[in-house]
Amino acid sequence: MLNKPKKSDTRTICSLQSNTELVSLFSLVTVKEVSEALRVSRDTVYRLLDNRKLPFHMIGGCKRIAISDLQNYLIANKVQAHK
């Protein structure tokens, strides 16, 4: 499973509700980091993003993926072994 990025590699984003209430805190990773973790090409990751199979955030014109969304994608697409 995907390991959480090192503290120095983590890009943390806070979502605020109202002016002060913290709703969620999540770590974002790049397309390159996802491709390396899954051992697939960056084109494969971009295809998942473009087909809206893997949720993403646009940050400054760059696509970023929340680790929680990647974990949910992996769980939802797990193929069970035959018994």
PDB file of N, CA and C in Angstrom:
ATOM      1  N   MET A   1       0.843  -1.172   0.000  1.00  0.00           N
ATOM      2  CA  MET A   1       0.000   0.000   0.000  1.00  0.00           C
ATOM      3  C   MET A   1       0.887   1.234   0.000  1.00  0.00           C
ATOM      4  N   LEU A   2       0.356   2.331  -0.402  1.00  0.00           N
ATOM      5  CA  LEU A   2       1.109   3.578  -0.491  1.00  0.00           C
ATOM      6  C   LEU A   2       1.490   4.072   0.888  1.00  0.00           C
ATOM      7  N   ASN A   3       2.778   4.315   1.079  1.00  0.00           N
ATOM      8  CA  ASN A   3       3.239   4.888   2.335  1.00  0.00           C
ATOM      9  C   ASN A   3       3.006   6.382   2.318  1.00  0.00           C
ATOM     10  N   LYS A   4       2.723   6.930   3.485  1.00  0.00           N
ATOM     11  CA  LYS A   4       2.541   8.372   3.591  1.00  0.00           C
ATOM     12  C   LYS A   4       3.879   9.042   3.278  1.00  0.00           C
ATOM     13  N   PRO A   5       3.864  10.142   2.512  1.00  0.00           N
ATOM     14  CA  PRO A   5       5.121  10.803   2.179  1.00  0.00           C
ATOM     15  C   PRO A   5       5.850  11.283   3.421  1.00  0.00           C
ATOM     16  N   LYS A   6       7.158  11.427   3.285  1.00  0.00           N
ATOM     17  CA  LYS A   6       7.953  11.963   4.380  1.00  0.00           C
ATOM     18  C   LYS A   6       7.485  13.369   4.690  1.00  0.00           C
ATOM     19  N   LYS A   7       7.718  13.784   5.928  1.00  0.00           N
ATOM     20  CA  LYS A   7       7.277  15.098   6.364  1.00  0.00           C
ATOM     21  C   LYS A   7       7.750  16.196   5.411  1.00  0.00           C
ATOM     22  N   SER A   8       8.984  16.094   4.942  1.00  0.00           N
ATOM     23  CA  SER A   8       9.524  17.122   4.056  1.00  0.00           C
ATOM     24  C   SER A   8       8.860  17.109   2.676  1.00  0.00           C
ATOM     25  N   ASP A   9       8.256  15.962   2.275  1.00  0.00           N
ATOM     26  CA  ASP A   9       7.635  15.851   0.965  1.00  0.00           C
ATOM     27  C   ASP A   9       6.137  16.147   0.994  1.00  0.00           C
ATOM     28  N   THR A  10       5.589  16.302   2.161  1.00  0.00           N
ATOM     29  CA  THR A  10       4.148  16.445   2.292  1.00  0.00           C
ATOM     30  C   THR A  10       3.708  17.865   1.993  1.00  0.00           C
ATOM     31  N   ARG A  11       2.688  17.964   1.148  1.00  0.00           N
ATOM     32  CA  ARG A  11       2.071  19.256   0.872  1.00  0.00           C
ATOM     33  C   ARG A  11       0.729  19.245   1.589  1.00  0.00           C
ATOM     34  N   THR A  12       0.588  20.022   2.631  1.00  0.00           N
ATOM     35  CA  THR A  12      -0.608  19.958   3.452  1.00  0.00           C
ATOM     36  C   THR A  12      -1.539  21.119   3.121  1.00  0.00           C
ATOM     37  N   ILE A  13      -2.798  20.799   2.973  1.00  0.00           N
ATOM     38  CA  ILE A  13      -3.819  21.788   2.667  1.00  0.00           C
ATOM     39  C   ILE A  13      -4.889  21.705   3.745  1.00  0.00           C
ATOM     40  N   CYS A  14      -5.314  22.834   4.234  1.00  0.00           N
ATOM     41  CA  CYS A  14      -6.373  22.886   5.233  1.00  0.00           C
ATOM     42  C   CYS A  14      -7.632  23.435   4.585  1.00  0.00           C
ATOM     43  N   SER A  15      -8.741  22.755   4.784  1.00  0.00           N
ATOM     44  CA  SER A  15     -10.023  23.275   4.333  1.00  0.00           C
ATOM     45  C   SER A  15     -10.687  23.949   5.520  1.00  0.00           C
ATOM     46  N   LEU A  16     -11.134  25.168   5.335  1.00  0.00           N
ATOM     47  CA  LEU A  16     -11.756  25.912   6.427  1.00  0.00           C
ATOM     48  C   LEU A  16     -13.230  26.111   6.150  1.00  0.00           C
ATOM     49  N   GLN A  17     -14.027  25.897   7.172  1.00  0.00           N
ATOM     50  CA  GLN A  17     -15.454  26.165   7.093  1.00  0.00           C
ATOM     51  C   GLN A  17     -15.680  27.396   7.941  1.00  0.00           C
ATOM     52  N   SER A  18     -16.534  28.299   7.500  1.00  0.00           N
ATOM     53  CA  SER A  18     -16.686  29.621   8.108  1.00  0.00           C
ATOM     54  C   SER A  18     -15.338  30.313   8.003  1.00  0.00           C
ATOM     55  N   ASN A  19     -14.922  30.975   9.060  1.00  0.00           N
ATOM     56  CA  ASN A  19     -13.626  31.644   9.003  1.00  0.00           C
ATOM     57  C   ASN A  19     -12.569  30.920   9.805  1.00  0.00           C
ATOM     58  N   THR A  20     -12.973  30.116  10.789  1.00  0.00           N
ATOM     59  CA  THR A  20     -11.976  29.559  11.687  1.00  0.00           C
ATOM     60  C   THR A  20     -12.043  28.060  11.903  1.00  0.00           C
ATOM     61  N   GLU A  21     -13.138  27.411  11.530  1.00  0.00           N
ATOM     62  CA  GLU A  21     -13.288  25.996  11.843  1.00  0.00           C
ATOM     63  C   GLU A  21     -12.532  25.129  10.841  1.00  0.00           C
ATOM     64  N   LEU A  22     -11.679  24.268  11.352  1.00  0.00           N
ATOM     65  CA  LEU A  22     -10.917  23.354  10.508  1.00  0.00           C
ATOM     66  C   LEU A  22     -11.773  22.131  10.209  1.00  0.00           C
ATOM     67  N   VAL A  23     -12.052  21.901   8.925  1.00  0.00           N
ATOM     68  CA  VAL A  23     -12.903  20.783   8.543  1.00  0.00           C
ATOM     69  C   VAL A  23     -12.082  19.542   8.244  1.00  0.00           C
ATOM     70  N   SER A  24     -11.052  19.688   7.445  1.00  0.00           N
ATOM     71  CA  SER A  24     -10.245  18.518   7.120  1.00  0.00           C
ATOM     72  C   SER A  24      -8.815  18.925   6.829  1.00  0.00           C
ATOM     73  N   LEU A  25      -7.949  17.958   7.011  1.00  0.00           N
ATOM     74  CA  LEU A  25      -6.529  18.148   6.760  1.00  0.00           C
ATOM     75  C   LEU A  25      -6.079  16.935   5.961  1.00  0.00           C
ATOM     76  N   PHE A  26      -5.494  17.156   4.790  1.00  0.00           N
ATOM     77  CA  PHE A  26      -5.076  16.020   3.978  1.00  0.00           C
ATOM     78  C   PHE A  26      -3.785  16.322   3.240  1.00  0.00           C
ATOM     79  N   SER A  27      -3.088  15.267   2.884  1.00  0.00           N
ATOM     80  CA  SER A  27      -1.825  15.393   2.169  1.00  0.00           C
ATOM     81  C   SER A  27      -2.051  15.169   0.684  1.00  0.00           C
ATOM     82  N   LEU A  28      -1.403  15.972  -0.113  1.00  0.00           N
ATOM     83  CA  LEU A  28      -1.512  15.866  -1.564  1.00  0.00           C
ATOM     84  C   LEU A  28      -0.198  15.387  -2.150  1.00  0.00           C
ATOM     85  N   VAL A  29      -0.302  14.582  -3.210  1.00  0.00           N
ATOM     86  CA  VAL A  29       0.884  14.091  -3.902  1.00  0.00           C
ATOM     87  C   VAL A  29       0.762  14.432  -5.384  1.00  0.00           C
ATOM     88  N   THR A  30       1.883  14.410  -6.077  1.00  0.00           N
ATOM     89  CA  THR A  30       1.918  14.723  -7.496  1.00  0.00           C
ATOM     90  C   THR A  30       1.590  13.500  -8.337  1.00  0.00           C
ATOM     91  N   VAL A  31       1.344  13.749  -9.622  1.00  0.00           N
ATOM     92  CA  VAL A  31       1.111  12.658 -10.565  1.00  0.00           C
ATOM     93  C   VAL A  31       2.343  11.754 -10.611  1.00  0.00           C
ATOM     94  N   LYS A  32       3.521  12.338 -10.613  1.00  0.00           N
ATOM     95  CA  LYS A  32       4.755  11.550 -10.643  1.00  0.00           C
ATOM     96  C   LYS A  32       4.856  10.644  -9.415  1.00  0.00           C
ATOM     97  N   GLU A  33       4.523  11.177  -8.240  1.00  0.00           N
ATOM     98  CA  GLU A  33       4.591  10.382  -7.006  1.00  0.00           C
ATOM     99  C   GLU A  33       3.594   9.227  -7.048  1.00  0.00           C
ATOM    100  N   VAL A  34       2.398   9.474  -7.580  1.00  0.00           N
ATOM    101  CA  VAL A  34       1.400   8.407  -7.699  1.00  0.00           C
ATOM    102  C   VAL A  34       1.897   7.341  -8.676  1.00  0.00           C
ATOM    103  N   SER A  35       2.438   7.782  -9.805  1.00  0.00           N
ATOM    104  CA  SER A  35       2.913   6.807 -10.794  1.00  0.00           C
ATOM    105  C   SER A  35       4.048   5.951 -10.235  1.00  0.00           C
ATOM    106  N   GLU A  36       4.938   6.561  -9.462  1.00  0.00           N
ATOM    107  CA  GLU A  36       6.034   5.800  -8.856  1.00  0.00           C
ATOM    108  C   GLU A  36       5.514   4.828  -7.797  1.00  0.00           C
ATOM    109  N   ALA A  37       4.557   5.262  -7.001  1.00  0.00           N
ATOM    110  CA  ALA A  37       4.013   4.407  -5.944  1.00  0.00           C
ATOM    111  C   ALA A  37       3.263   3.207  -6.527  1.00  0.00           C
ATOM    112  N   LEU A  38       2.516   3.433  -7.609  1.00  0.00           N
ATOM    113  CA  LEU A  38       1.734   2.360  -8.234  1.00  0.00           C
ATOM    114  C   LEU A  38       2.529   1.586  -9.281  1.00  0.00           C
ATOM    115  N   ARG A  39       3.720   2.087  -9.605  1.00  0.00           N
ATOM    116  CA  ARG A  39       4.570   1.477 -10.631  1.00  0.00           C
ATOM    117  C   ARG A  39       3.856   1.390 -11.976  1.00  0.00           C
ATOM    118  N   VAL A  40       3.256   2.522 -12.355  1.00  0.00           N
ATOM    119  CA  VAL A  40       2.630   2.669 -13.665  1.00  0.00           C
ATOM    120  C   VAL A  40       3.179   3.950 -14.290  1.00  0.00           C
ATOM    121  N   SER A  41       2.901   4.151 -15.557  1.00  0.00           N
ATOM    122  CA  SER A  41       3.396   5.354 -16.223  1.00  0.00           C
ATOM    123  C   SER A  41       2.593   6.580 -15.790  1.00  0.00           C
ATOM    124  N   ARG A  42       3.182   7.747 -15.985  1.00  0.00           N
ATOM    125  CA  ARG A  42       2.458   8.984 -15.689  1.00  0.00           C
ATOM    126  C   ARG A  42       1.256   9.111 -16.620  1.00  0.00           C
ATOM    127  N   ASP A  43       1.368   8.616 -17.854  1.00  0.00           N
ATOM    128  CA  ASP A  43       0.232   8.642 -18.778  1.00  0.00           C
ATOM    129  C   ASP A  43      -0.956   7.869 -18.216  1.00  0.00           C
ATOM    130  N   THR A  44      -0.686   6.752 -17.555  1.00  0.00           N
ATOM    131  CA  THR A  44      -1.755   5.956 -16.947  1.00  0.00           C
ATOM    132  C   THR A  44      -2.453   6.756 -15.854  1.00  0.00           C
ATOM    133  N   VAL A  45      -1.680   7.442 -15.028  1.00  0.00           N
ATOM    134  CA  VAL A  45      -2.272   8.253 -13.960  1.00  0.00           C
ATOM    135  C   VAL A  45      -3.090   9.393 -14.568  1.00  0.00           C
ATOM    136  N   TYR A  46      -2.540  10.082 -15.573  1.00  0.00           N
ATOM    137  CA  TYR A  46      -3.292  11.156 -16.227  1.00  0.00           C
ATOM    138  C   TYR A  46      -4.582  10.639 -16.848  1.00  0.00           C
ATOM    139  N   ARG A  47      -4.568   9.420 -17.394  1.00  0.00           N
ATOM    140  CA  ARG A  47      -5.780   8.824 -17.961  1.00  0.00           C
ATOM    141  C   ARG A  47      -6.834   8.616 -16.872  1.00  0.00           C
ATOM    142  N   LEU A  48      -6.410   8.133 -15.694  1.00  0.00           N
ATOM    143  CA  LEU A  48      -7.345   7.958 -14.575  1.00  0.00           C
ATOM    144  C   LEU A  48      -7.938   9.298 -14.154  1.00  0.00           C
ATOM    145  N   LEU A  49      -7.114  10.331 -14.139  1.00  0.00           N
ATOM    146  CA  LEU A  49      -7.583  11.662 -13.749  1.00  0.00           C
ATOM    147  C   LEU A  49      -8.516  12.237 -14.808  1.00  0.00           C
ATOM    148  N   ASP A  50      -8.113  12.165 -16.073  1.00  0.00           N
ATOM    149  CA  ASP A  50      -8.911  12.734 -17.155  1.00  0.00           C
ATOM    150  C   ASP A  50     -10.257  12.039 -17.312  1.00  0.00           C
ATOM    151  N   ASN A  51     -10.305  10.729 -17.021  1.00  0.00           N
ATOM    152  CA  ASN A  51     -11.565   9.977 -17.088  1.00  0.00           C
ATOM    153  C   ASN A  51     -12.362  10.043 -15.789  1.00  0.00           C
ATOM    154  N   ARG A  52     -11.873  10.848 -14.851  1.00  0.00           N
ATOM    155  CA  ARG A  52     -12.536  11.086 -13.553  1.00  0.00           C
ATOM    156  C   ARG A  52     -12.698   9.802 -12.743  1.00  0.00           C
ATOM    157  N   LYS A  53     -11.772   8.868 -12.912  1.00  0.00           N
ATOM    158  CA  LYS A  53     -11.786   7.648 -12.098  1.00  0.00           C
ATOM    159  C   LYS A  53     -11.050   7.866 -10.789  1.00  0.00           C
ATOM    160  N   LEU A  54     -10.143   8.840 -10.768  1.00  0.00           N
ATOM    161  CA  LEU A  54      -9.376   9.191  -9.580  1.00  0.00           C
ATOM    162  C   LEU A  54      -9.549  10.686  -9.339  1.00  0.00           C
ATOM    163  N   PRO A  55     -10.150  11.073  -8.208  1.00  0.00           N
ATOM    164  CA  PRO A  55     -10.360  12.497  -7.927  1.00  0.00           C
ATOM    165  C   PRO A  55      -9.033  13.245  -7.769  1.00  0.00           C
ATOM    166  N   PHE A  56      -9.057  14.526  -8.095  1.00  0.00           N
ATOM    167  CA  PHE A  56      -7.855  15.339  -7.950  1.00  0.00           C
ATOM    168  C   PHE A  56      -8.230  16.785  -7.653  1.00  0.00           C
ATOM    169  N   HIS A  57      -7.231  17.557  -7.276  1.00  0.00           N
ATOM    170  CA  HIS A  57      -7.376  18.985  -7.015  1.00  0.00           C
ATOM    171  C   HIS A  57      -6.461  19.727  -7.974  1.00  0.00           C
ATOM    172  N   MET A  58      -6.924  20.862  -8.465  1.00  0.00           N
ATOM    173  CA  MET A  58      -6.066  21.726  -9.282  1.00  0.00           C
ATOM    174  C   MET A  58      -5.461  22.766  -8.360  1.00  0.00           C
ATOM    175  N   ILE A  59      -4.143  22.769  -8.269  1.00  0.00           N
ATOM    176  CA  ILE A  59      -3.410  23.725  -7.434  1.00  0.00           C
ATOM    177  C   ILE A  59      -2.437  24.455  -8.352  1.00  0.00           C
ATOM    178  N   GLY A  60      -2.685  25.725  -8.577  1.00  0.00           N
ATOM    179  CA  GLY A  60      -1.795  26.503  -9.430  1.00  0.00           C
ATOM    180  C   GLY A  60      -1.611  25.906 -10.813  1.00  0.00           C
ATOM    181  N   GLY A  61      -2.662  25.335 -11.367  1.00  0.00           N
ATOM    182  CA  GLY A  61      -2.585  24.740 -12.695  1.00  0.00           C
ATOM    183  C   GLY A  61      -2.020  23.331 -12.723  1.00  0.00           C
ATOM    184  N   CYS A  62      -1.682  22.781 -11.559  1.00  0.00           N
ATOM    185  CA  CYS A  62      -1.125  21.423 -11.471  1.00  0.00           C
ATOM    186  C   CYS A  62      -2.125  20.494 -10.794  1.00  0.00           C
ATOM    187  N   LYS A  63      -2.159  19.262 -11.245  1.00  0.00           N
ATOM    188  CA  LYS A  63      -3.049  18.271 -10.640  1.00  0.00           C
ATOM    189  C   LYS A  63      -2.366  17.654  -9.434  1.00  0.00           C
ATOM    190  N   ARG A  64      -3.105  17.590  -8.325  1.00  0.00           N
ATOM    191  CA  ARG A  64      -2.618  16.974  -7.087  1.00  0.00           C
ATOM    192  C   ARG A  64      -3.677  15.998  -6.603  1.00  0.00           C
ATOM    193  N   ILE A  65      -3.221  14.882  -6.055  1.00  0.00           N
ATOM    194  CA  ILE A  65      -4.116  13.820  -5.608  1.00  0.00           C
ATOM    195  C   ILE A  65      -4.003  13.666  -4.103  1.00  0.00           C
ATOM    196  N   ALA A  66      -5.148  13.657  -3.430  1.00  0.00           N
ATOM    197  CA  ALA A  66      -5.159  13.422  -1.987  1.00  0.00           C
ATOM    198  C   ALA A  66      -4.863  11.951  -1.733  1.00  0.00           C
ATOM    199  N   ILE A  67      -4.018  11.692  -0.759  1.00  0.00           N
ATOM    200  CA  ILE A  67      -3.669  10.311  -0.422  1.00  0.00           C
ATOM    201  C   ILE A  67      -4.927   9.521  -0.071  1.00  0.00           C
ATOM    202  N   SER A  68      -5.860  10.142   0.618  1.00  0.00           N
ATOM    203  CA  SER A  68      -7.099   9.446   0.981  1.00  0.00           C
ATOM    204  C   SER A  68      -7.896   9.056  -0.263  1.00  0.00           C
ATOM    205  N   ASP A  69      -7.904   9.899  -1.307  1.00  0.00           N
ATOM    206  CA  ASP A  69      -8.596   9.559  -2.557  1.00  0.00           C
ATOM    207  C   ASP A  69      -7.897   8.409  -3.271  1.00  0.00           C
ATOM    208  N   LEU A  70      -6.576   8.399  -3.225  1.00  0.00           N
ATOM    209  CA  LEU A  70      -5.825   7.298  -3.838  1.00  0.00           C
ATOM    210  C   LEU A  70      -6.102   5.987  -3.107  1.00  0.00           C
ATOM    211  N   GLN A  71      -6.122   6.031  -1.785  1.00  0.00           N
ATOM    212  CA  GLN A  71      -6.422   4.828  -1.006  1.00  0.00           C
ATOM    213  C   GLN A  71      -7.832   4.332  -1.310  1.00  0.00           C
ATOM    214  N   ASN A  72      -8.799   5.252  -1.387  1.00  0.00           N
ATOM    215  CA  ASN A  72     -10.179   4.866  -1.707  1.00  0.00           C
ATOM    216  C   ASN A  72     -10.270   4.247  -3.096  1.00  0.00           C
ATOM    217  N   TYR A  73      -9.536   4.799  -4.059  1.00  0.00           N
ATOM    218  CA  TYR A  73      -9.519   4.251  -5.415  1.00  0.00           C
ATOM    219  C   TYR A  73      -8.974   2.817  -5.400  1.00  0.00           C
ATOM    220  N   LEU A  74      -7.880   2.610  -4.674  1.00  0.00           N
ATOM    221  CA  LEU A  74      -7.284   1.270  -4.610  1.00  0.00           C
ATOM    222  C   LEU A  74      -8.230   0.269  -3.960  1.00  0.00           C
ATOM    223  N   ILE A  75      -8.909   0.664  -2.913  1.00  0.00           N
ATOM    224  CA  ILE A  75      -9.860  -0.221  -2.239  1.00  0.00           C
ATOM    225  C   ILE A  75     -11.026  -0.558  -3.168  1.00  0.00           C
ATOM    226  N   ALA A  76     -11.554   0.461  -3.853  1.00  0.00           N
ATOM    227  CA  ALA A  76     -12.705   0.262  -4.732  1.00  0.00           C
ATOM    228  C   ALA A  76     -12.370  -0.596  -5.946  1.00  0.00           C
ATOM    229  N   ASN A  77     -11.115  -0.637  -6.353  1.00  0.00           N
ATOM    230  CA  ASN A  77     -10.720  -1.366  -7.555  1.00  0.00           C
ATOM    231  C   ASN A  77      -9.940  -2.638  -7.258  1.00  0.00           C
ATOM    232  N   LYS A  78     -10.028  -3.096  -6.027  1.00  0.00           N
ATOM    233  CA  LYS A  78      -9.362  -4.330  -5.644  1.00  0.00           C
ATOM    234  C   LYS A  78     -10.095  -5.524  -6.250  1.00  0.00           C
ATOM    235  N   VAL A  79      -9.341  -6.418  -6.861  1.00  0.00           N
ATOM    236  CA  VAL A  79      -9.906  -7.638  -7.436  1.00  0.00           C
ATOM    237  C   VAL A  79      -9.648  -8.769  -6.460  1.00  0.00           C
ATOM    238  N   GLN A  80     -10.716  -9.442  -6.069  1.00  0.00           N
ATOM    239  CA  GLN A  80     -10.613 -10.531  -5.101  1.00  0.00           C
ATOM    240  C   GLN A  80     -10.078 -11.782  -5.781  1.00  0.00           C
ATOM    241  N   ALA A  81      -9.281 -12.540  -5.054  1.00  0.00           N
ATOM    242  CA  ALA A  81      -8.753 -13.802  -5.546  1.00  0.00           C
ATOM    243  C   ALA A  81      -9.842 -14.862  -5.528  1.00  0.00           C
ATOM    244  N   HIS A  82      -9.718 -15.834  -6.430  1.00  0.00           N
ATOM    245  CA  HIS A  82     -10.654 -16.974  -6.424  1.00  0.00           C
ATOM    246  C   HIS A  82     -10.335 -17.865  -5.252  1.00  0.00           C
ATOM    247  N   LYS A  83     -11.378 -18.477  -4.689  1.00  0.00           N
ATOM    248  CA  LYS A  83     -11.181 -19.395  -3.570  1.00  0.00           C
ATOM    249  C   LYS A  83     -11.161 -20.808  -4.046  1.00  0.00           C
TER     250      LYS A  83
END
